C-alpha atoms as a PDB file:
ATOM      1  CA  MET A   1      42.116  -2.573  -6.719  1.00  0.00           C
ATOM      2  CA  LYS A   2      42.953  -4.755  -9.728  1.00  0.00           C
ATOM      3  CA  ASP A   3      39.920  -6.938  -8.919  1.00  0.00           C
ATOM      4  CA  PHE A   4      37.650  -3.889  -8.887  1.00  0.00           C
ATOM      5  CA  TYR A   5      38.800  -2.781 -12.340  1.00  0.00           C
ATOM      6  CA  GLY A   6      38.375  -6.312 -13.669  1.00  0.00           C
ATOM      7  CA  ARG A   7      34.801  -6.464 -12.414  1.00  0.00           C
ATOM      8  CA  LEU A   8      34.089  -2.977 -13.744  1.00  0.00           C
ATOM      9  CA  ALA A   9      35.413  -3.948 -17.186  1.00  0.00           C
ATOM     10  CA  GLY A  10      33.269  -7.111 -17.139  1.00  0.00           C
ATOM     11  CA  PHE A  11      30.164  -5.149 -16.171  1.00  0.00           C
ATOM     12  CA  ILE A  12      30.716  -2.547 -18.878  1.00  0.00           C
ATOM     13  CA  SER A  13      31.255  -5.240 -21.511  1.00  0.00           C
ATOM     14  CA  LEU A  14      28.000  -6.912 -20.445  1.00  0.00           C
ATOM     15  CA  LEU A  15      26.161  -3.615 -20.817  1.00  0.00           C
ATOM     16  CA  LEU A  16      27.627  -3.064 -24.263  1.00  0.00           C
ATOM     17  CA  PHE A  17      26.753  -6.518 -25.625  1.00  0.00           C
ATOM     18  CA  MET A  18      23.370  -6.918 -23.902  1.00  0.00           C
ATOM     19  CA  PRO A  19      21.202  -5.353 -26.678  1.00  0.00           C
ATOM     20  CA  GLU A  20      22.498  -7.825 -29.279  1.00  0.00           C
ATOM     21  CA  ALA A  21      21.797 -10.742 -26.995  1.00  0.00           C
ATOM     22  CA  MET A  22      18.308  -9.504 -26.164  1.00  0.00           C
ATOM     23  CA  ALA A  23      17.379  -8.868 -29.794  1.00  0.00           C
ATOM     24  CA  ASP A  24      18.308 -12.409 -30.787  1.00  0.00           C
ATOM     25  CA  SER A  25      17.180 -14.295 -27.689  1.00  0.00           C
ATOM     26  CA  TYR A  26      14.592 -16.489 -29.472  1.00  0.00           C
ATOM     27  CA  ARG A  27      17.319 -18.177 -31.489  1.00  0.00           C
ATOM     28  CA  TYR A  28      19.021 -19.393 -28.308  1.00  0.00           C
ATOM     29  CA  LEU A  29      15.912 -20.225 -26.276  1.00  0.00           C
ATOM     30  CA  HIS A  30      14.240 -22.398 -28.941  1.00  0.00           C
ATOM     31  CA  VAL A  31      10.735 -21.212 -28.046  1.00  0.00           C
ATOM     32  CA  THR A  32       8.111 -23.451 -29.655  1.00  0.00           C
ATOM     33  CA  ILE A  33       4.406 -24.023 -29.200  1.00  0.00           C
ATOM     34  CA  ASP A  34       5.211 -26.714 -26.603  1.00  0.00           C
ATOM     35  CA  THR A  35       7.078 -24.304 -24.328  1.00  0.00           C
ATOM     36  CA  PRO A  36       4.011 -22.944 -22.456  1.00  0.00           C
ATOM     37  CA  TRP A  37       2.798 -26.505 -21.830  1.00  0.00           C
ATOM     38  CA  LEU A  38       6.175 -27.564 -20.494  1.00  0.00           C
ATOM     39  CA  ILE A  39       6.245 -24.556 -18.176  1.00  0.00           C
ATOM     40  CA  PHE A  40       2.693 -25.328 -17.026  1.00  0.00           C
ATOM     41  CA  ILE A  41       3.476 -28.980 -16.305  1.00  0.00           C
ATOM     42  CA  PHE A  42       6.691 -28.083 -14.468  1.00  0.00           C
ATOM     43  CA  LEU A  43       4.912 -25.521 -12.275  1.00  0.00           C
ATOM     44  CA  LEU A  44       2.012 -27.895 -11.659  1.00  0.00           C
ATOM     45  CA  VAL A  45       4.372 -30.587 -10.388  1.00  0.00           C
ATOM     46  CA  ALA A  46       6.403 -28.080  -8.361  1.00  0.00           C
ATOM     47  CA  ILE A  47       3.289 -26.679  -6.670  1.00  0.00           C
ATOM     48  CA  MET A  48       1.483 -29.986  -6.113  1.00  0.00           C
ATOM     49  CA  MET A  49       4.478 -31.981  -4.834  1.00  0.00           C
ATOM     50  CA  PRO A  50       4.398 -30.519  -1.281  1.00  0.00           C
ATOM     51  CA  PHE A  51       0.681 -31.294  -1.006  1.00  0.00           C
ATOM     52  CA  ILE A  52       1.208 -34.865  -2.203  1.00  0.00           C
ATOM     53  CA  LEU A  53       4.076 -35.318   0.261  1.00  0.00           C
ATOM     54  CA  MET A  54       1.960 -33.836   3.052  1.00  0.00           C
ATOM     55  CA  ALA A  55      -0.885 -36.266   2.326  1.00  0.00           C
ATOM     56  CA  ILE A  56       1.491 -39.254   2.264  1.00  0.00           C
ATOM     57  CA  LEU A  57       3.097 -38.261   5.568  1.00  0.00           C
ATOM     58  CA  TYR A  58      -0.282 -37.628   7.192  1.00  0.00           C
ATOM     59  CA  TRP A  59      -1.564 -41.036   6.074  1.00  0.00           C
ATOM     60  CA  ARG A  60       1.616 -42.772   7.263  1.00  0.00           C
ATOM     61  CA  ASN A  61       1.459 -41.146  10.704  1.00  0.00           C
ATOM     62  CA  ALA A  62      -2.254 -41.904  11.006  1.00  0.00           C
ATOM     63  CA  MET A  63      -1.559 -45.578  10.292  1.00  0.00           C
ATOM     64  CA  ARG A  64       1.229 -45.584  12.900  1.00  0.00           C
ATOM     65  CA  ARG A  65      -1.035 -44.010  15.523  1.00  0.00           C
ATOM     66  CA  ASN A  66      -3.716 -46.595  14.825  1.00  0.00           C
ATOM     67  CA  ALA A  67      -1.175 -49.382  15.273  1.00  0.00           C
ATOM     68  CA  GLU A  68       0.038 -47.841  18.562  1.00  0.00           C
ATOM     69  CA  ASP A  69      -3.539 -47.455  19.830  1.00  0.00           C
ATOM     70  CA  ASP A  70      -4.283 -51.079  18.963  1.00  0.00           C
ATOM     71  CA  ALA A  71      -1.133 -52.219  20.775  1.00  0.00           C
ATOM     72  CA  LYS A  72      -2.091 -50.243  23.887  1.00  0.00           C
ATOM     73  CA  GLY A  73      -5.591 -51.648  23.850  1.00  0.00           C
ATOM     74  CA  GLU A  74      -4.343 -55.251  23.818  1.00  0.00           C
ATOM     75  CA  SER A  75      -2.188 -54.849  26.958  1.00  0.00           C
END
């Protein structure tokens, strides 16, 4: 029961101090003109990385299959 009251007190204190934190959020986030570009570049890399990895793995497996087919043809 003590844990419940501790969590309840923490939640209430967060609700009480949230408006001050939200009103002054730009001071802590350091939003500049470069921020949208950094977000864009991060998302571009995050979205394109699986496609790049997929192309590399496809190419690697295609090369391996060609080597196996050549080895079978020589026997």
